């Protein structure tokens, strides 16, 4: 009798659970249907699935066909125009590509950054990396305070004092390149640029010698790449915590993050103990902030957040810019020859780029800008629209994730003449007249523009000028430029060169 009673109770419980599951399923269907109906007036690719949205197509393009997501979005831009919506499961993402719409998103409305994107860098697989640093801070008011604190460390007048450090690191870099300059050895320049830019940010930013250029066993290049690939992987796999078969990889990334943060902590702790002395690097500014009575909320964890942010962002983006620039220049002998002539005119026999020389390297500067136009290392940004707004002629519902793609806007035939042509003269003063300020935004635009923009410009000009002054480079035949995105956009297959000393 008791057994029959317990079976009866169990059946009732199962029926109740089944009923609840059905109710939840129906509610989910109604909710998703309602979400779909809110965006029917905005064009976009057809969903592959009611529940999965466009995820199957994105997986096919990215994981099977090995395409960069920017290329997939570019195809949709050509098909649907400057505004379209695609679906990540049942979450809509609105893409705005017209420069005027970009201006509205980044400047006029100054929409806040999307946590679903930037939290992936703040905490990589749950492990704190950039934390609440200046790049990943979502609260506008808190961010303003942080930006004001840090601006001085990146002011042009402050960076002028770092030219000697730039050149000393270049000396080490060129010495290494010189040992491979026999005209026969294949040199993978993407990796070499990654090492020299790591040494630069280490020295001018934090007064440390990473020895990435000199030592083949330096752990930093692998660590930085590993963290950025982990960020990208966690973003592509929103349910990463349930993928137990991927836990060994996740644990390796977590260990790398812990290593970088512990390294940052030890560097900061040592500097605090020793004092800044006459050092004027970025770390000196961070230490001064911590020691000021006005910044009691700026603690060690915050310093480590900023250290990690500058260490990652300050190295990877410039490294990729240099790699893309070198490839394009070597593909265009006329551009290369003009750069070399300008370097000879400005520097002569002097093996040092002074601050006053930077402005004189005008054509090299335009070439670097054109490279950033065609190949921005940061593909774009995602913001959140918390209230209903008219953008691009469409009424966009509240709580919509909004994407801006620098890569697409800067390569679109709708906004640039012959965008596929590498042409530095686009940035001559006469050719910039009438161009929207948000037509070219490799460092973003609006209040949250990249704080390290000037540092990156200084660094890139010095490295490229010194490299072309001393060496003749040519691409190993058969290379094609393709892009891949591992948080940042980089050359998929590197940039392989033969190198000789210039006579």
Foldseek 3Di string as FASTA:
>chain_A
DVVVVVVVVVVVVVVVVVVVVVVVVVVVLVVLVVLCVQCPVFAWDAAPDSQQWVLVVVCCVCVVVVAAVVVVVLVGCVVRHQWHWTDGGSAIEIEGQPLVLLCCPCAVVNFFFDCLQLVCQCAQLNHGFLNCALVRPRDPVVNVVRCVLQLVQQDPVLCLVCQVVLLVLLVLLVVLVQVQQPLPDKDQQLQSLLQSLLQSCCCQAQNDGQCSNPDPPRCPSVLLLLLLLSSVVCSSPVVVVPPVVCVVSSVVNSVSSVVLLVVQLVSLVVCLVVDCPPRRGSSNSLSVLCPDPVNVVSDSVRSSSNVSVCSNVSRNQLSQLLQLLVVQCQVPVVLLVVLLVQLCVQQPPNSGQHPVSLVSSPLVLLSSQLSCLQFQQQQWGKGAAQQFDQGPNDTRHGGHIYIYTSNSLSQDVVQDPPSVDRDSCCPPPVNCPPHRPSSHQSQRDHPSGNSNVVVSSSSNSSNVSSDSNWKDKHFDPDDDFHWHCSSTIHGPVGTIIRMHTDD
